[in-house]
Structure formats: structure tokens, C-alpha cells
Amino acid sequence: MKLKEIFDKAVKTALKNDPRSASIIKKDLNLLKKSYGQMTSLEKSNFDKESLIHPYDDSRILYGAPDKEIKTIMVGIDIDTSELLLADRFRQNGVNIDLVISHHPLGRGLTQLDKVMILQPRLWQSLGFDETLAREIIRDRMEEVARSLSGINYTRVVDFARIMDIPLICLHTAADNCVSAFLSKLFIKEKPDKLEDVLNLCYKIPEYSYAAKSGMGPYILVGDKKKKAGKILVDMTGGANGPDRIFSRLSQSGIQTIVGMHIKDSGYKIVKSEFLNYIVAGHMSSDTLGVNLLLDAVDPANKLTIIECSGFKRYIRKNG
């Protein structure tokens, strides 16, 4: 399979699992295209034109020829120079690593992390939020994330990959969409009554069961196992954690339980004050589930050889 084919299939899978409707995604892309058309020549020269094709600015081919044939991939949740050195060591020992995939964004995928957060207010709109209000709620948090990225050495890992000639891509929201959709569909289908029922469903999933053996399994952060789960929101996609003030609005919209990867302490306090239930499913385990689902869709025949590293463990689902 060609490198570009792998990436394009990942984007296609992300679109299929996006919480936004196809019409909303098309609308947002058309607005961006209109904005691009009004840019100066200088602005256009610096603009990431791939943003006009799909809305996943934190998922990119960072280094490598698009037509390179890929057979063996090293996959990790976080890829740094140490993982790339490991890939090179594999090559020195006769195992040819054709591509390294990082879940968490790198390079331009990282510097644009704030942009994908626009997914979140679109999700809130589906819960009944006013569009203007939803965008207002996310704006400050997006700006905060953008500021936090301004001082990072964003080219370091990509430069290393280029020097070592190791093809590298990152698939962040592309994979997060998959885990979010998977769990949302599971809870809708199974209709868990109590929080303990939600946990039990999670523990039947290999990625969460494996994490539990390391002491990092899903757990109830706020609530009691015998409490009613009610309406459940899976909060696992959209770039980065949303603003804390969204929790009070979610409780007013009828959400009773949130299932997320992790939560800041400031957010935890608001969740508690709003009498919401919160289940921490786990960060690495949820990311791993999302990447596995993505790989199943990209390579349903399992022809690619996957080498696990950096928090990732491969589980194959027969139905893809």
C-alpha cells in the first residue's frame, strides 16, 4: 500500500466517524475556501492548503514520498526522536521500517491543534446549543491552546525523521473520531442503566482490559457505581480538552454522564458541582482503541506488518 493511500484511507475513515454531519463539514470547508480566496498572495503562500480538503489539521503526512510502498509500520501513541532511533535500529538489524505513525500530532499537525477544536461546538449544537453561543464558549479555549503552542520546538521530531530518512505521519483527530463513534454507538446499543454497567462495557474492550492490568483501567471519577447513567456523552475528540465552563451547559442540556479520556482538576471541580457523573476511560487506552479501529479500516485484510511502541498495543477486530 502506498503511503498516500494509507493517509487518504485514514481521512476517509475519520470523516465516516465524525460527529458532525457531512453537510456541516462541507459548509465549514466552503467557508474556509471562501476565506482563502480573499487572502493576499503572501497569506496564501503560508497557508496549509490541505486544510481545504479535510478538517483534520492535526493529521498530516510529515515526511516521506506519497508514492512510497509501505509494508511495515511502527505505530506509537507518542513518537519522539527516541522512537525514531528505535526504528533505525530495527533497520540496522534487517527489519525495514517503511513508515512511523504517531497518534499525537507533530510538526504542522501540532501547530494547528487549536483549529480542529471547532469540532466541539458543532457537537454541542447537536445537543441543542445555539451556534453563536457554542462558538463563543470554545473561542477562549482555542486561543489558550494556540498560545500554549507558540513556544514549542515543533520541527524537532520531523527534522529528525528527515535526517534519518524515516517516513512519518500523525493521525490525531482522525483516530479520536473512531474511538468516540465506537463508544457512542456501544452505549446507545447496550443502554447501560447504572455507572457500573458503563464500566463493565468498557472492561469488555481489550484495550481497556489491558490497561487495567497496569493499574490504569477505566474508573468512576465523579458519581457512584449504583447511580443511574442517564444520557451519556462520549467526550473524546476535538483536538484538546474543551473549556471547563461547558460542563454547566451540558448538565442543563440533559447530559447526566460524561465518558472521557482524562480531565483537568479545574474541570473535575465543576463536574462535581454540577452533579454530573464522570467516567475516566483512560488516555493511552482510548487512544490505542482509536488507532486500532483506524488501522482496521485502513487495512481490513491485515496485510501490513505493525510494530507496536510507545503505549500502543495492536488488537485486530475481525469485522474491521
Foldseek 3Di string as FASTA:
>chain_A
DFQLLLLVLLQVLLQVLQLFDPVVFLVVLVVVVVVLVPDDPVVVVPDDCVCSVGPQQLWWFLDDDRGDDAFAEEEAQDDALVVVVVQVVCVVVPNHHQAYEYAGGAARSQLCLLSLLLSVLSNVVVLPDDSVVSCVQQVVVSVVSNVVPPPDPRCRRSVSCVVSVHGYIYHYLSLQSQLQSVLVVVCVVVVDFFQLSSLVVLCVDVLQVVVVVVVFHKDWPADDRGHTQWAEHEDGHRRDDGDLVVLLVCLVSGHAEYEYQDDDPSSSVSCNVSNHIYMHGHNLSSSQNSVQSSVCSSCVVPSHHYHYDHSHDHDHDNVD
